[in-house]
Amino acid sequence: MRSLLRTFRLAAPVLLVSLACLATVAVVAPRAEQINKIAAVVNGEMITFFDVQAQATPELMRLGLDRNNPAHQEAVRKVHLQVLDSLISDILMNQEAERWKITVQDGEVENELRKFVQRSQLSQQEFERQLTQQGLSMDVMRDRVRKGILRHRLLTLMIARKIVITQEDVKKYYDAHKSQFVTDRTVRLGLVIFAPTANAEALADKVRTGQTTFEQLAASESIGPNPGSGGDIGTLKWTDLAPAWKEALDGLKAGETSPVILVEGRKAMLKLVAVTTGRSQTVEEATPEIENILREPKLQERFTEYTKQLHDKAVIDIRI
């Protein structure tokens, strides 16, 4: 389970990708007879099929699935069931938060949302325009941010404080990844997002072997942001990048490209356009970030156990 702060830190480049991908596909409205259909009841709280469809739409768009295409029905149903499971977990988490009297103030939500918009590198107007293209709104975003903060606090209370990372663990990781821990370092990046049907490895090989340039590949193949500008996503702080991006860029020189990586479930490729070298952090300075990195897989394991316990104790009636 990613921590809330790391989720927002990752969002700068990823939000651009998600918005660009989602804007290319039209939203399919649910049929009228399905709007009030009950999908599940969780400890007395209902989830409608409309809720499931609304939450599933971005994932269906990402996968290129059409609800009205008979050939896609099995895959669509699989996505719906995954989304339903996620909504059930959300309700159980919210009920637990109420039980422990965990609350989130409006000011906290606005502060995190403001940071989120800033890290997206979009103006407020452009950010809202992109949301509208997805059928979303700032109120929906506020609700998601609030849920994220609430879940983060619940997990901190119930799980995170029980996970111990030793100084020996930190030092070992630091020694193996020193180049990743710098201050004031910035990178300008290009990003190619491959279509689901594309042979990403073969296309990436064409760049590596000089058969084409990264910029030409972006213009002809990328479904990500700014394909006509070499997939340029601007200058980012090194400390704001997700660990997976740091690992992909580690050791690259300006002008070089990364291996194929996953961005929001899609195959992608990065180009290190330019870099400003910062000061190397000491192990003491890097400790908080390293602890978060090492804690994440343990958090995910504990989170899975915790949600299973909540599911086992709950009264859940699934009707689809």
Protein backbone atom coordinates (compact mmCIF):
# COMPACT_ATOMS: atom_id res chain seq x y z
CA MET A 1 0.00 0.00 0.00
CA ARG A 2 1.57 3.24 -1.06
CA SER A 3 1.55 5.92 1.62
CA LEU A 4 -0.56 8.97 0.83
CA LEU A 5 2.42 11.29 0.47
CA ARG A 6 4.21 8.94 -1.91
CA THR A 7 1.02 8.57 -3.91
CA PHE A 8 0.84 12.34 -4.35
CA ARG A 9 4.57 12.54 -5.08
CA LEU A 10 4.17 10.04 -7.88
CA ALA A 11 1.17 11.89 -9.25
CA ALA A 12 3.08 14.69 -10.99
CA PRO A 13 4.10 12.74 -14.09
CA VAL A 14 1.47 10.03 -13.76
CA LEU A 15 -1.51 12.40 -13.65
CA LEU A 16 -0.47 13.87 -17.00
CA VAL A 17 -0.29 10.37 -18.43
CA SER A 18 -3.63 9.30 -16.99
CA LEU A 19 -5.43 12.41 -18.18
CA ALA A 20 -3.93 12.18 -21.65
CA CYS A 21 -4.89 8.52 -21.99
CA LEU A 22 -8.39 8.94 -20.61
CA ALA A 23 -9.15 11.96 -22.79
CA THR A 24 -8.77 9.83 -25.93
CA VAL A 25 -11.79 7.58 -25.23
CA ALA A 26 -15.45 8.47 -24.82
CA VAL A 27 -17.28 7.53 -21.62
CA VAL A 28 -20.04 4.98 -22.06
CA ALA A 29 -23.11 5.86 -20.03
CA PRO A 30 -24.78 3.12 -18.01
CA ARG A 31 -28.16 1.89 -19.23
CA ALA A 32 -31.12 3.39 -17.40
CA GLU A 33 -32.41 0.09 -16.03
CA GLN A 34 -29.09 -0.55 -14.29
CA ILE A 35 -28.84 2.75 -12.42
CA ASN A 36 -30.71 1.64 -9.28
CA LYS A 37 -29.66 -2.01 -9.31
CA ILE A 38 -28.00 -3.07 -6.05
CA ALA A 39 -24.56 -4.56 -6.58
CA ALA A 40 -23.78 -5.35 -2.94
CA VAL A 41 -24.72 -4.59 0.65
CA VAL A 42 -21.88 -4.20 3.16
CA ASN A 43 -22.86 -4.17 6.84
CA GLY A 44 -26.14 -2.55 5.79
CA GLU A 45 -24.55 -0.02 3.42
CA MET A 46 -25.51 -0.35 -0.24
CA ILE A 47 -23.36 -0.19 -3.37
CA THR A 48 -25.34 0.37 -6.57
CA PHE A 49 -24.39 -0.99 -9.96
CA PHE A 50 -24.20 2.63 -11.07
CA ASP A 51 -21.44 3.15 -8.48
CA VAL A 52 -19.55 0.19 -9.89
CA GLN A 53 -19.88 1.38 -13.48
CA ALA A 54 -18.81 4.92 -12.63
CA GLN A 55 -15.71 3.71 -10.81
CA ALA A 56 -14.89 1.15 -13.52
CA THR A 57 -15.04 3.57 -16.45
CA PRO A 58 -11.41 4.86 -16.23
CA GLU A 59 -10.04 1.30 -16.08
CA LEU A 60 -12.21 0.17 -19.00
CA MET A 61 -10.99 3.17 -20.98
CA ARG A 62 -7.39 2.37 -20.11
CA LEU A 63 -7.84 -1.20 -21.31
CA GLY A 64 -9.74 -0.17 -24.42
CA LEU A 65 -12.84 -2.15 -23.43
CA ASP A 66 -16.36 -1.32 -24.63
CA ARG A 67 -19.32 -2.31 -22.45
CA ASN A 68 -21.51 -2.58 -25.56
CA ASN A 69 -19.17 -4.96 -27.40
CA PRO A 70 -20.25 -8.60 -26.85
CA ALA A 71 -16.65 -9.75 -27.32
CA HIS A 72 -15.59 -7.63 -24.34
CA GLN A 73 -18.29 -8.75 -21.91
CA GLU A 74 -16.18 -11.24 -19.94
CA ALA A 75 -13.30 -8.78 -19.56
CA VAL A 76 -15.73 -6.00 -18.59
CA ARG A 77 -17.33 -8.22 -15.94
CA LYS A 78 -13.88 -9.00 -14.52
CA VAL A 79 -13.14 -5.28 -14.18
CA HIS A 80 -16.56 -4.68 -12.58
CA LEU A 81 -15.89 -7.38 -9.96
CA GLN A 82 -12.45 -5.93 -9.20
CA VAL A 83 -13.98 -2.49 -8.76
CA LEU A 84 -16.77 -3.89 -6.58
CA ASP A 85 -14.18 -5.51 -4.33
CA SER A 86 -12.38 -2.17 -4.07
CA LEU A 87 -15.63 -0.36 -3.19
CA ILE A 88 -16.39 -2.96 -0.52
CA SER A 89 -12.94 -2.38 0.97
CA ASP A 90 -13.55 1.38 0.90
CA ILE A 91 -16.76 0.98 2.88
CA LEU A 92 -15.09 -1.31 5.41
CA MET A 93 -12.23 1.17 5.81
CA ASN A 94 -14.65 4.07 6.27
CA GLN A 95 -16.62 2.12 8.85
CA GLU A 96 -13.39 1.33 10.72
CA ALA A 97 -12.37 4.99 10.60
CA GLU A 98 -15.72 5.95 12.12
CA ARG A 99 -15.26 3.32 14.83
CA TRP A 100 -11.85 4.78 15.73
CA LYS A 101 -13.19 8.35 15.42
CA ILE A 102 -10.67 9.27 12.72
CA THR A 103 -11.67 12.48 10.93
CA VAL A 104 -10.31 14.75 8.19
CA GLN A 105 -10.76 18.53 8.20
CA ASP A 106 -11.77 20.47 5.07
CA GLY A 107 -8.58 22.54 5.28
CA GLU A 108 -6.45 19.40 5.13
CA VAL A 109 -8.25 18.25 1.99
CA GLU A 110 -7.82 21.62 0.27
CA ASN A 111 -4.12 21.72 1.18
CA GLU A 112 -3.43 18.27 -0.27
CA LEU A 113 -5.53 18.98 -3.36
CA ARG A 114 -3.61 22.21 -3.96
CA LYS A 115 -0.32 20.28 -3.78
CA PHE A 116 -1.76 17.68 -6.13
CA VAL A 117 -2.63 20.32 -8.75
CA GLN A 118 0.80 21.95 -8.41
CA ARG A 119 2.60 18.64 -8.91
CA SER A 120 0.51 17.91 -12.01
CA GLN A 121 2.25 20.91 -13.66
CA LEU A 122 -1.13 22.02 -15.00
CA SER A 123 -2.81 25.36 -14.38
CA GLN A 124 -5.93 25.24 -12.21
CA GLN A 125 -8.04 25.95 -15.29
CA GLU A 126 -6.37 23.22 -17.37
CA PHE A 127 -6.59 20.76 -14.48
CA GLU A 128 -10.33 21.32 -14.15
CA ARG A 129 -10.78 21.12 -17.93
CA GLN A 130 -9.05 17.74 -18.00
CA LEU A 131 -11.25 16.52 -15.15
CA THR A 132 -14.35 17.61 -17.05
CA GLN A 133 -13.21 15.63 -20.08
CA GLN A 134 -13.23 12.54 -17.85
CA GLY A 135 -16.68 13.31 -16.48
CA LEU A 136 -15.14 14.26 -13.12
CA SER A 137 -15.13 17.42 -11.03
CA MET A 138 -13.18 19.11 -8.26
CA ASP A 139 -15.78 17.86 -5.78
CA VAL A 140 -15.07 14.28 -6.87
CA MET A 141 -11.35 14.94 -6.44
CA ARG A 142 -11.94 16.37 -2.97
CA ASP A 143 -13.85 13.23 -2.03
CA ARG A 144 -11.01 11.02 -3.28
CA VAL A 145 -8.39 13.07 -1.44
CA ARG A 146 -10.44 12.92 1.76
CA LYS A 147 -10.76 9.13 1.47
CA GLY A 148 -7.03 8.86 0.84
CA ILE A 149 -6.13 10.84 3.94
CA LEU A 150 -8.63 8.87 6.02
CA ARG A 151 -7.27 5.53 4.82
CA HIS A 152 -3.67 6.66 5.38
CA ARG A 153 -4.45 7.59 8.99
CA LEU A 154 -6.27 4.36 9.64
CA LEU A 155 -3.41 2.31 8.23
CA THR A 156 -0.90 4.31 10.24
CA LEU A 157 -2.89 3.59 13.40
CA MET A 158 -3.52 -0.09 12.74
CA ILE A 159 -0.52 -1.22 10.69
CA ALA A 160 2.39 1.15 10.01
CA ARG A 161 3.37 1.69 13.63
CA LYS A 162 3.81 -2.08 14.02
CA ILE A 163 6.38 -2.35 11.20
CA VAL A 164 10.00 -1.97 12.31
CA ILE A 165 12.80 -0.96 9.92
CA THR A 166 16.27 -1.28 11.45
CA GLN A 167 19.18 1.09 10.88
CA GLU A 168 21.08 -1.85 9.42
CA ASP A 169 18.33 -2.26 6.80
CA VAL A 170 18.55 1.45 5.98
CA LYS A 171 22.35 1.45 5.65
CA LYS A 172 22.34 -1.61 3.40
CA TYR A 173 19.79 -0.03 1.06
CA TYR A 174 21.62 3.32 1.07
CA ASP A 175 24.94 1.73 0.12
CA ALA A 176 23.31 -0.10 -2.79
CA HIS A 177 21.43 2.96 -4.13
CA LYS A 178 23.56 6.00 -3.21
CA SER A 179 23.07 7.74 -6.55
CA GLN A 180 19.32 7.94 -5.95
CA PHE A 181 19.66 10.08 -2.83
CA VAL A 182 20.51 13.64 -3.80
CA THR A 183 19.13 17.06 -2.93
CA ASP A 184 18.42 19.89 -5.39
CA ARG A 185 18.75 17.52 -8.35
CA THR A 186 16.30 18.05 -11.20
CA VAL A 187 15.65 16.07 -14.37
CA ARG A 188 13.91 17.01 -17.58
CA LEU A 189 12.15 13.99 -19.01
CA GLY A 190 10.52 12.74 -22.16
CA LEU A 191 7.90 10.03 -21.84
CA VAL A 192 6.48 7.62 -24.40
CA ILE A 193 3.37 5.66 -23.43
CA PHE A 194 2.80 2.70 -25.73
CA ALA A 195 -0.66 1.66 -26.89
CA PRO A 196 -1.89 -1.65 -25.40
CA THR A 197 -1.54 -3.36 -28.78
CA ALA A 198 1.98 -2.05 -29.49
CA ASN A 199 5.11 -4.20 -29.28
CA ALA A 200 6.82 -1.94 -26.75
CA GLU A 201 10.11 -3.84 -26.55
CA ALA A 202 10.54 -3.92 -30.33
CA LEU A 203 9.80 -0.21 -30.63
CA ALA A 204 12.16 0.63 -27.77
CA ASP A 205 14.89 -1.42 -29.46
CA LYS A 206 14.56 0.77 -32.55
CA VAL A 207 15.51 3.77 -30.43
CA ARG A 208 18.37 1.97 -28.72
CA THR A 209 19.81 0.76 -32.04
CA GLY A 210 19.48 4.14 -33.75
CA GLN A 211 16.79 3.11 -36.25
CA THR A 212 14.63 5.95 -34.99
CA THR A 213 14.83 8.71 -32.40
CA PHE A 214 12.92 8.95 -29.15
CA GLU A 215 11.21 12.08 -30.48
CA GLN A 216 10.12 10.32 -33.68
CA LEU A 217 8.84 7.39 -31.64
CA ALA A 218 6.85 9.74 -29.41
CA ALA A 219 5.28 11.45 -32.42
CA SER A 220 4.29 8.22 -34.14
CA GLU A 221 3.49 5.84 -31.29
CA SER A 222 2.91 7.58 -27.95
CA ILE A 223 -0.56 7.89 -26.45
CA GLY A 224 0.91 9.89 -23.57
CA PRO A 225 1.35 13.64 -23.09
CA ASN A 226 2.88 15.95 -25.71
CA PRO A 227 3.75 13.35 -28.37
CA GLY A 228 4.53 16.10 -30.88
CA SER A 229 7.10 17.57 -28.49
CA GLY A 230 9.04 14.39 -27.85
CA GLY A 231 6.77 13.37 -24.98
CA ASP A 232 8.16 16.26 -22.93
CA ILE A 233 6.79 16.24 -19.37
CA GLY A 234 8.98 19.08 -18.15
CA THR A 235 11.50 19.42 -15.36
CA LEU A 236 10.86 17.48 -12.17
CA LYS A 237 12.60 17.32 -8.83
CA TRP A 238 14.45 14.05 -8.39
CA THR A 239 13.01 13.73 -4.90
CA ASP A 240 9.47 13.87 -6.35
CA LEU A 241 9.97 10.83 -8.58
CA ALA A 242 8.62 7.42 -7.63
CA PRO A 243 11.27 4.80 -6.76
CA ALA A 244 10.52 2.87 -9.97
CA TRP A 245 11.28 5.96 -12.06
CA LYS A 246 14.49 6.62 -10.12
CA GLU A 247 15.60 3.05 -10.69
CA ALA A 248 14.87 3.29 -14.43
CA LEU A 249 16.86 6.54 -14.72
CA ASP A 250 19.70 5.52 -12.43
CA GLY A 251 23.03 5.62 -14.27
CA LEU A 252 21.65 7.28 -17.42
CA LYS A 253 23.38 10.26 -19.01
CA ALA A 254 21.53 13.15 -20.64
CA GLY A 255 20.15 11.98 -23.97
CA GLU A 256 19.89 8.32 -22.99
CA THR A 257 16.69 6.30 -22.64
CA SER A 258 15.41 3.90 -20.01
CA PRO A 259 14.30 0.30 -20.38
CA VAL A 260 10.58 -0.28 -20.85
CA ILE A 261 8.75 0.35 -17.56
CA LEU A 262 5.14 0.32 -16.39
CA VAL A 263 3.27 3.59 -15.84
CA GLU A 264 -0.29 3.19 -14.57
CA GLY A 265 -0.31 -0.33 -15.99
CA ARG A 266 0.85 0.73 -19.46
CA LYS A 267 4.25 0.02 -20.98
CA ALA A 268 6.34 3.17 -21.25
CA MET A 269 9.83 4.52 -21.88
CA LEU A 270 11.65 7.51 -20.41
CA LYS A 271 14.30 9.77 -21.90
CA LEU A 272 16.64 11.75 -19.67
CA VAL A 273 16.67 15.02 -21.63
CA ALA A 274 18.70 17.03 -19.13
CA VAL A 275 19.85 16.80 -15.53
CA THR A 276 21.18 19.18 -12.90
CA THR A 277 23.45 17.49 -10.39
CA GLY A 278 22.59 17.97 -6.75
CA ARG A 279 24.40 17.26 -3.52
CA SER A 280 24.54 13.67 -2.31
CA GLN A 281 22.50 13.08 0.81
CA THR A 282 24.04 11.53 3.88
CA VAL A 283 22.56 8.29 5.15
CA GLU A 284 20.96 10.28 7.99
CA GLU A 285 19.27 12.65 5.53
CA ALA A 286 18.09 9.79 3.33
CA THR A 287 16.79 7.66 6.21
CA PRO A 288 13.12 8.84 6.18
CA GLU A 289 12.76 8.15 2.45
CA ILE A 290 14.54 4.80 2.69
CA GLU A 291 12.34 3.76 5.60
CA ASN A 292 9.27 4.51 3.47
CA ILE A 293 10.69 2.50 0.56
CA LEU A 294 11.46 -0.49 2.76
CA ARG A 295 8.18 -0.22 4.64
CA GLU A 296 6.00 -0.29 1.52
CA PRO A 297 6.13 -4.03 0.69
CA LYS A 298 5.59 -4.87 4.35
CA LEU A 299 2.68 -2.42 4.46
CA GLN A 300 1.14 -4.08 1.41
CA GLU A 301 1.41 -7.49 3.05
CA ARG A 302 -0.11 -6.27 6.31
CA PHE A 303 -2.75 -4.28 4.45
CA THR A 304 -3.86 -7.43 2.62
CA GLU A 305 -4.10 -9.29 5.92
CA TYR A 306 -5.97 -6.42 7.57
CA THR A 307 -8.55 -6.04 4.79
CA LYS A 308 -9.10 -9.81 4.76
CA GLN A 309 -9.86 -9.67 8.48
CA LEU A 310 -12.36 -6.86 7.88
CA HIS A 311 -13.98 -8.84 5.05
CA ASP A 312 -14.20 -11.98 7.20
CA LYS A 313 -15.94 -10.11 10.04
CA ALA A 314 -18.33 -8.18 7.80
CA VAL A 315 -21.80 -9.11 6.58
CA ILE A 316 -21.47 -8.80 2.80
CA ASP A 317 -24.21 -9.64 0.30
CA ILE A 318 -22.96 -9.53 -3.31
CA ARG A 319 -25.77 -9.44 -5.87
CA ILE A 320 -24.05 -9.27 -9.26
